[in-house]
Amino acid sequence: GQRCVVILPDSVRNYMSKFLSDDWMSQR
């Protein structure tokens, strides 16, 4: 019955070579 709003600032477009990549995630 209660409500919480969360702001999602931007899209995955700017990070295709970053966190979307398993290799990039695994390296870190």
PDB file of all heavy atoms in Angstrom:
ATOM      1  N   GLY A   1       0.803  -1.216   0.000  1.00  0.00           N
ATOM      2  CA  GLY A   1       0.000   0.000   0.000  1.00  0.00           C
ATOM      3  C   GLY A   1       0.838   1.268   0.000  1.00  0.00           C
ATOM      4  O   GLY A   1       0.311   2.366  -0.212  1.00  0.00           O
ATOM      5  N   GLN A   2       2.147   1.124   0.263  1.00  0.00           N
ATOM      6  CA  GLN A   2       3.041   2.271   0.210  1.00  0.00           C
ATOM      7  C   GLN A   2       3.815   2.246  -1.111  1.00  0.00           C
ATOM      8  O   GLN A   2       3.827   1.244  -1.829  1.00  0.00           O
ATOM      9  CB  GLN A   2       3.986   2.276   1.414  1.00  0.00           C
ATOM     10  CG  GLN A   2       3.248   2.496   2.737  1.00  0.00           C
ATOM     11  CD  GLN A   2       4.191   2.538   3.920  1.00  0.00           C
ATOM     12  OE1 GLN A   2       4.786   1.532   4.292  1.00  0.00           O
ATOM     13  NE2 GLN A   2       4.321   3.706   4.539  1.00  0.00           N
ATOM     14  N   ARG A   3       4.484   3.357  -1.415  1.00  0.00           N
ATOM     15  CA  ARG A   3       5.084   3.509  -2.750  1.00  0.00           C
ATOM     16  C   ARG A   3       6.451   4.177  -2.654  1.00  0.00           C
ATOM     17  O   ARG A   3       6.644   5.157  -1.942  1.00  0.00           O
ATOM     18  CB  ARG A   3       4.157   4.360  -3.612  1.00  0.00           C
ATOM     19  CG  ARG A   3       4.674   4.686  -4.989  1.00  0.00           C
ATOM     20  CD  ARG A   3       3.664   5.532  -5.745  1.00  0.00           C
ATOM     21  NE  ARG A   3       2.502   4.753  -6.156  1.00  0.00           N
ATOM     22  CZ  ARG A   3       1.266   5.230  -6.231  1.00  0.00           C
ATOM     23  NH1 ARG A   3       1.032   6.480  -5.898  1.00  0.00           N
ATOM     24  NH2 ARG A   3       0.272   4.459  -6.636  1.00  0.00           N
ATOM     25  N   CYS A   4       7.396   3.621  -3.412  1.00  0.00           N
ATOM     26  CA  CYS A   4       8.750   4.188  -3.507  1.00  0.00           C
ATOM     27  C   CYS A   4       9.088   4.404  -4.982  1.00  0.00           C
ATOM     28  O   CYS A   4       8.875   3.517  -5.814  1.00  0.00           O
ATOM     29  CB  CYS A   4       9.766   3.239  -2.874  1.00  0.00           C
ATOM     30  SG  CYS A   4      11.496   3.753  -3.062  1.00  0.00           S
ATOM     31  N   VAL A   5       9.612   5.578  -5.306  1.00  0.00           N
ATOM     32  CA  VAL A   5      10.044   5.898  -6.664  1.00  0.00           C
ATOM     33  C   VAL A   5      11.571   5.973  -6.706  1.00  0.00           C
ATOM     34  O   VAL A   5      12.190   6.586  -5.831  1.00  0.00           O
ATOM     35  CB  VAL A   5       9.428   7.229  -7.153  1.00  0.00           C
ATOM     36  CG1 VAL A   5      10.069   7.671  -8.470  1.00  0.00           C
ATOM     37  CG2 VAL A   5       7.923   7.081  -7.335  1.00  0.00           C
ATOM     38  N   VAL A   6      12.151   5.342  -7.718  1.00  0.00           N
ATOM     39  CA  VAL A   6      13.608   5.320  -7.886  1.00  0.00           C
ATOM     40  C   VAL A   6      13.960   5.946  -9.232  1.00  0.00           C
ATOM     41  O   VAL A   6      13.355   5.611 -10.261  1.00  0.00           O
ATOM     42  CB  VAL A   6      14.143   3.870  -7.837  1.00  0.00           C
ATOM     43  CG1 VAL A   6      15.673   3.866  -7.913  1.00  0.00           C
ATOM     44  CG2 VAL A   6      13.656   3.153  -6.590  1.00  0.00           C
ATOM     45  N   ILE A   7      14.929   6.849  -9.231  1.00  0.00           N
ATOM     46  CA  ILE A   7      15.363   7.505 -10.467  1.00  0.00           C
ATOM     47  C   ILE A   7      16.425   6.651 -11.165  1.00  0.00           C
ATOM     48  O   ILE A   7      17.462   6.319 -10.580  1.00  0.00           O
ATOM     49  CB  ILE A   7      15.952   8.909 -10.184  1.00  0.00           C
ATOM     50  CG1 ILE A   7      14.965   9.763  -9.373  1.00  0.00           C
ATOM     51  CG2 ILE A   7      16.327   9.603 -11.495  1.00  0.00           C
ATOM     52  CD1 ILE A   7      13.645  10.024 -10.066  1.00  0.00           C
ATOM     53  N   LEU A   8      16.164   6.278 -12.426  1.00  0.00           N
ATOM     54  CA  LEU A   8      17.153   5.589 -13.259  1.00  0.00           C
ATOM     55  C   LEU A   8      17.726   6.616 -14.236  1.00  0.00           C
ATOM     56  O   LEU A   8      17.064   6.991 -15.206  1.00  0.00           O
ATOM     57  CB  LEU A   8      16.507   4.427 -14.025  1.00  0.00           C
ATOM     58  CG  LEU A   8      15.777   3.360 -13.197  1.00  0.00           C
ATOM     59  CD1 LEU A   8      15.364   2.189 -14.097  1.00  0.00           C
ATOM     60  CD2 LEU A   8      16.618   2.863 -12.028  1.00  0.00           C
ATOM     61  N   PRO A   9      18.955   7.102 -13.997  1.00  0.00           N
ATOM     62  CA  PRO A   9      19.450   8.293 -14.714  1.00  0.00           C
ATOM     63  C   PRO A   9      19.732   8.120 -16.202  1.00  0.00           C
ATOM     64  O   PRO A   9      19.504   9.042 -16.979  1.00  0.00           O
ATOM     65  CB  PRO A   9      20.745   8.646 -13.971  1.00  0.00           C
ATOM     66  CG  PRO A   9      20.617   7.982 -12.645  1.00  0.00           C
ATOM     67  CD  PRO A   9      19.856   6.717 -12.906  1.00  0.00           C
ATOM     68  N   ASP A  10      20.288   6.968 -16.621  1.00  0.00           N
ATOM     69  CA  ASP A  10      20.643   6.873 -18.040  1.00  0.00           C
ATOM     70  C   ASP A  10      20.570   5.438 -18.532  1.00  0.00           C
ATOM     71  O   ASP A  10      20.214   4.523 -17.778  1.00  0.00           O
ATOM     72  CB  ASP A  10      22.016   7.496 -18.324  1.00  0.00           C
ATOM     73  CG  ASP A  10      23.178   6.687 -17.772  1.00  0.00           C
ATOM     74  OD1 ASP A  10      22.946   5.730 -17.011  1.00  0.00           O
ATOM     75  OD2 ASP A  10      24.336   7.003 -18.098  1.00  0.00           O
ATOM     76  N   SER A  11      20.907   5.249 -19.813  1.00  0.00           N
ATOM     77  CA  SER A  11      20.731   3.952 -20.467  1.00  0.00           C
ATOM     78  C   SER A  11      22.037   3.178 -20.564  1.00  0.00           C
ATOM     79  O   SER A  11      23.120   3.699 -20.302  1.00  0.00           O
ATOM     80  CB  SER A  11      20.148   4.150 -21.869  1.00  0.00           C
ATOM     81  OG  SER A  11      21.167   4.528 -22.772  1.00  0.00           O
ATOM     82  N   VAL A  12      21.912   1.934 -21.016  1.00  0.00           N
ATOM     83  CA  VAL A  12      23.079   1.072 -21.184  1.00  0.00           C
ATOM     84  C   VAL A  12      23.904   1.471 -22.405  1.00  0.00           C
ATOM     85  O   VAL A  12      25.035   1.005 -22.578  1.00  0.00           O
ATOM     86  CB  VAL A  12      22.613  -0.403 -21.292  1.00  0.00           C
ATOM     87  CG1 VAL A  12      21.978  -0.664 -22.650  1.00  0.00           C
ATOM     88  CG2 VAL A  12      23.750  -1.370 -21.024  1.00  0.00           C
ATOM     89  N   ARG A  13      23.369   2.338 -23.264  1.00  0.00           N
ATOM     90  CA  ARG A  13      24.059   2.713 -24.507  1.00  0.00           C
ATOM     91  C   ARG A  13      25.490   3.172 -24.267  1.00  0.00           C
ATOM     92  O   ARG A  13      26.398   2.846 -25.048  1.00  0.00           O
ATOM     93  CB  ARG A  13      23.295   3.854 -25.199  1.00  0.00           C
ATOM     94  CG  ARG A  13      23.952   4.369 -26.473  1.00  0.00           C
ATOM     95  CD  ARG A  13      23.371   5.707 -26.895  1.00  0.00           C
ATOM     96  NE  ARG A  13      23.710   6.755 -25.943  1.00  0.00           N
ATOM     97  CZ  ARG A  13      23.137   7.958 -25.915  1.00  0.00           C
ATOM     98  NH1 ARG A  13      22.194   8.248 -26.779  1.00  0.00           N
ATOM     99  NH2 ARG A  13      23.503   8.860 -25.014  1.00  0.00           N
ATOM    100  N   ASN A  14      25.710   3.912 -23.187  1.00  0.00           N
ATOM    101  CA  ASN A  14      27.037   4.478 -22.945  1.00  0.00           C
ATOM    102  C   ASN A  14      28.020   3.492 -22.312  1.00  0.00           C
ATOM    103  O   ASN A  14      29.163   3.864 -22.053  1.00  0.00           O
ATOM    104  CB  ASN A  14      26.924   5.707 -22.033  1.00  0.00           C
ATOM    105  CG  ASN A  14      26.242   6.870 -22.722  1.00  0.00           C
ATOM    106  OD1 ASN A  14      26.311   6.999 -23.942  1.00  0.00           O
ATOM    107  ND2 ASN A  14      25.571   7.708 -21.956  1.00  0.00           N
ATOM    108  N   TYR A  15      27.580   2.261 -22.049  1.00  0.00           N
ATOM    109  CA  TYR A  15      28.422   1.329 -21.297  1.00  0.00           C
ATOM    110  C   TYR A  15      28.475  -0.054 -21.943  1.00  0.00           C
ATOM    111  O   TYR A  15      28.704  -1.053 -21.269  1.00  0.00           O
ATOM    112  CB  TYR A  15      27.900   1.221 -19.853  1.00  0.00           C
ATOM    113  CG  TYR A  15      27.578   2.567 -19.266  1.00  0.00           C
ATOM    114  CD1 TYR A  15      26.258   3.006 -19.147  1.00  0.00           C
ATOM    115  CD2 TYR A  15      28.591   3.438 -18.861  1.00  0.00           C
ATOM    116  CE1 TYR A  15      25.951   4.259 -18.643  1.00  0.00           C
ATOM    117  CE2 TYR A  15      28.300   4.692 -18.350  1.00  0.00           C
ATOM    118  CZ  TYR A  15      26.982   5.100 -18.252  1.00  0.00           C
ATOM    119  OH  TYR A  15      26.686   6.351 -17.754  1.00  0.00           O
ATOM    120  N   MET A  16      28.283  -0.091 -23.265  1.00  0.00           N
ATOM    121  CA  MET A  16      28.261  -1.379 -23.961  1.00  0.00           C
ATOM    122  C   MET A  16      29.578  -2.134 -23.800  1.00  0.00           C
ATOM    123  O   MET A  16      29.600  -3.366 -23.750  1.00  0.00           O
ATOM    124  CB  MET A  16      27.964  -1.165 -25.447  1.00  0.00           C
ATOM    125  CG  MET A  16      26.641  -0.466 -25.721  1.00  0.00           C
ATOM    126  SD  MET A  16      25.210  -1.423 -25.230  1.00  0.00           S
ATOM    127  CE  MET A  16      25.130  -2.599 -26.566  1.00  0.00           C
ATOM    128  N   SER A  17      30.692  -1.403 -23.716  1.00  0.00           N
ATOM    129  CA  SER A  17      32.001  -2.043 -23.586  1.00  0.00           C
ATOM    130  C   SER A  17      32.419  -2.184 -22.132  1.00  0.00           C
ATOM    131  O   SER A  17      33.513  -2.663 -21.843  1.00  0.00           O
ATOM    132  CB  SER A  17      33.062  -1.237 -24.353  1.00  0.00           C
ATOM    133  OG  SER A  17      33.180   0.072 -23.808  1.00  0.00           O
ATOM    134  N   LYS A  18      31.549  -1.786 -21.223  1.00  0.00           N
ATOM    135  CA  LYS A  18      31.891  -1.846 -19.798  1.00  0.00           C
ATOM    136  C   LYS A  18      31.073  -2.926 -19.087  1.00  0.00           C
ATOM    137  O   LYS A  18      31.245  -4.103 -19.364  1.00  0.00           O
ATOM    138  CB  LYS A  18      31.719  -0.472 -19.167  1.00  0.00           C
ATOM    139  CG  LYS A  18      32.794   0.523 -19.634  1.00  0.00           C
ATOM    140  CD  LYS A  18      32.914   1.693 -18.702  1.00  0.00           C
ATOM    141  CE  LYS A  18      34.167   2.499 -18.962  1.00  0.00           C
ATOM    142  NZ  LYS A  18      34.383   3.555 -17.948  1.00  0.00           N
ATOM    143  N   PHE A  19      30.166  -2.556 -18.178  1.00  0.00           N
ATOM    144  CA  PHE A  19      29.571  -3.565 -17.305  1.00  0.00           C
ATOM    145  C   PHE A  19      28.678  -4.559 -18.041  1.00  0.00           C
ATOM    146  O   PHE A  19      28.353  -5.610 -17.503  1.00  0.00           O
ATOM    147  CB  PHE A  19      28.807  -2.899 -16.152  1.00  0.00           C
ATOM    148  CG  PHE A  19      27.450  -2.346 -16.515  1.00  0.00           C
ATOM    149  CD1 PHE A  19      26.317  -3.146 -16.467  1.00  0.00           C
ATOM    150  CD2 PHE A  19      27.300  -1.020 -16.886  1.00  0.00           C
ATOM    151  CE1 PHE A  19      25.073  -2.642 -16.784  1.00  0.00           C
ATOM    152  CE2 PHE A  19      26.056  -0.513 -17.206  1.00  0.00           C
ATOM    153  CZ  PHE A  19      24.936  -1.334 -17.157  1.00  0.00           C
ATOM    154  N   LEU A  20      28.298  -4.261 -19.271  1.00  0.00           N
ATOM    155  CA  LEU A  20      27.519  -5.219 -20.045  1.00  0.00           C
ATOM    156  C   LEU A  20      28.378  -6.400 -20.491  1.00  0.00           C
ATOM    157  O   LEU A  20      27.862  -7.464 -20.823  1.00  0.00           O
ATOM    158  CB  LEU A  20      26.906  -4.523 -21.265  1.00  0.00           C
ATOM    159  CG  LEU A  20      25.601  -5.106 -21.804  1.00  0.00           C
ATOM    160  CD1 LEU A  20      24.516  -5.062 -20.745  1.00  0.00           C
ATOM    161  CD2 LEU A  20      25.150  -4.362 -23.046  1.00  0.00           C
ATOM    162  N   SER A  21      29.696  -6.212 -20.469  1.00  0.00           N
ATOM    163  CA  SER A  21      30.643  -7.241 -20.909  1.00  0.00           C
ATOM    164  C   SER A  21      31.047  -8.144 -19.740  1.00  0.00           C
ATOM    165  O   SER A  21      31.493  -7.659 -18.695  1.00  0.00           O
ATOM    166  CB  SER A  21      31.891  -6.569 -21.504  1.00  0.00           C
ATOM    167  OG  SER A  21      32.982  -7.450 -21.541  1.00  0.00           O
ATOM    168  N   ASP A  22      30.909  -9.468 -19.909  1.00  0.00           N
ATOM    169  CA  ASP A  22      31.361 -10.407 -18.885  1.00  0.00           C
ATOM    170  C   ASP A  22      32.861 -10.284 -18.642  1.00  0.00           C
ATOM    171  O   ASP A  22      33.332 -10.395 -17.509  1.00  0.00           O
ATOM    172  CB  ASP A  22      31.038 -11.846 -19.302  1.00  0.00           C
ATOM    173  CG  ASP A  22      29.570 -12.196 -19.097  1.00  0.00           C
ATOM    174  OD1 ASP A  22      28.883 -11.462 -18.367  1.00  0.00           O
ATOM    175  OD2 ASP A  22      29.116 -13.191 -19.673  1.00  0.00           O
ATOM    176  N   ASP A  23      33.616 -10.066 -19.716  1.00  0.00           N
ATOM    177  CA  ASP A  23      35.065  -9.928 -19.570  1.00  0.00           C
ATOM    178  C   ASP A  23      35.407  -8.736 -18.683  1.00  0.00           C
ATOM    179  O   ASP A  23      36.237  -8.831 -17.777  1.00  0.00           O
ATOM    180  CB  ASP A  23      35.727  -9.767 -20.942  1.00  0.00           C
ATOM    181  CG  ASP A  23      35.789 -11.070 -21.711  1.00  0.00           C
ATOM    182  OD1 ASP A  23      35.521 -12.126 -21.103  1.00  0.00           O
ATOM    183  OD2 ASP A  23      36.104 -11.040 -22.913  1.00  0.00           O
ATOM    184  N   TRP A  24      34.772  -7.593 -18.967  1.00  0.00           N
ATOM    185  CA  TRP A  24      35.034  -6.368 -18.186  1.00  0.00           C
ATOM    186  C   TRP A  24      34.666  -6.601 -16.724  1.00  0.00           C
ATOM    187  O   TRP A  24      35.415  -6.210 -15.821  1.00  0.00           O
ATOM    188  CB  TRP A  24      34.213  -5.220 -18.774  1.00  0.00           C
ATOM    189  CG  TRP A  24      34.528  -3.870 -18.224  1.00  0.00           C
ATOM    190  CD1 TRP A  24      35.442  -2.973 -18.704  1.00  0.00           C
ATOM    191  CD2 TRP A  24      33.907  -3.233 -17.093  1.00  0.00           C
ATOM    192  NE1 TRP A  24      35.435  -1.823 -17.936  1.00  0.00           N
ATOM    193  CE2 TRP A  24      34.510  -1.962 -16.958  1.00  0.00           C
ATOM    194  CE3 TRP A  24      32.916  -3.623 -16.197  1.00  0.00           C
ATOM    195  CZ2 TRP A  24      34.137  -1.070 -15.937  1.00  0.00           C
ATOM    196  CZ3 TRP A  24      32.548  -2.744 -15.179  1.00  0.00           C
ATOM    197  CH2 TRP A  24      33.155  -1.482 -15.061  1.00  0.00           C
ATOM    198  N   MET A  25      33.539  -7.243 -16.473  1.00  0.00           N
ATOM    199  CA  MET A  25      33.103  -7.512 -15.096  1.00  0.00           C
ATOM    200  C   MET A  25      34.063  -8.471 -14.399  1.00  0.00           C
ATOM    201  O   MET A  25      34.424  -8.286 -13.231  1.00  0.00           O
ATOM    202  CB  MET A  25      31.690  -8.089 -15.104  1.00  0.00           C
ATOM    203  CG  MET A  25      30.597  -7.113 -15.509  1.00  0.00           C
ATOM    204  SD  MET A  25      30.157  -5.945 -14.202  1.00  0.00           S
ATOM    205  CE  MET A  25      29.209  -7.015 -13.101  1.00  0.00           C
ATOM    206  N   SER A  26      34.487  -9.503 -15.114  1.00  0.00           N
ATOM    207  CA  SER A  26      35.371 -10.493 -14.514  1.00  0.00           C
ATOM    208  C   SER A  26      36.736  -9.914 -14.184  1.00  0.00           C
ATOM    209  O   SER A  26      37.316 -10.224 -13.140  1.00  0.00           O
ATOM    210  CB  SER A  26      35.529 -11.676 -15.467  1.00  0.00           C
ATOM    211  OG  SER A  26      36.382 -12.650 -14.914  1.00  0.00           O
ATOM    212  N   GLN A  27      37.240  -9.049 -15.061  1.00  0.00           N
ATOM    213  CA  GLN A  27      38.543  -8.426 -14.821  1.00  0.00           C
ATOM    214  C   GLN A  27      38.566  -7.663 -13.507  1.00  0.00           C
ATOM    215  O   GLN A  27      39.598  -7.541 -12.857  1.00  0.00           O
ATOM    216  CB  GLN A  27      38.880  -7.479 -15.968  1.00  0.00           C
ATOM    217  CG  GLN A  27      39.236  -8.165 -17.268  1.00  0.00           C
ATOM    218  CD  GLN A  27      39.236  -7.194 -18.444  1.00  0.00           C
ATOM    219  OE1 GLN A  27      39.251  -5.981 -18.251  1.00  0.00           O
ATOM    220  NE2 GLN A  27      39.207  -7.730 -19.644  1.00  0.00           N
ATOM    221  N   ARG A  28      37.419  -7.155 -13.096  1.00  0.00           N
ATOM    222  CA  ARG A  28      37.326  -6.342 -11.882  1.00  0.00           C
ATOM    223  C   ARG A  28      36.727  -7.098 -10.704  1.00  0.00           C
ATOM    224  O   ARG A  28      36.409  -6.507  -9.677  1.00  0.00           O
ATOM    225  CB  ARG A  28      36.498  -5.078 -12.185  1.00  0.00           C
ATOM    226  CG  ARG A  28      37.232  -4.140 -13.128  1.00  0.00           C
ATOM    227  CD  ARG A  28      36.304  -3.270 -13.931  1.00  0.00           C
ATOM    228  NE  ARG A  28      37.073  -2.392 -14.814  1.00  0.00           N
ATOM    229  CZ  ARG A  28      37.596  -2.783 -15.974  1.00  0.00           C
ATOM    230  NH1 ARG A  28      37.416  -4.016 -16.405  1.00  0.00           N
ATOM    231  NH2 ARG A  28      38.287  -1.931 -16.706  1.00  0.00           N
TER     232      ARG A  28
END
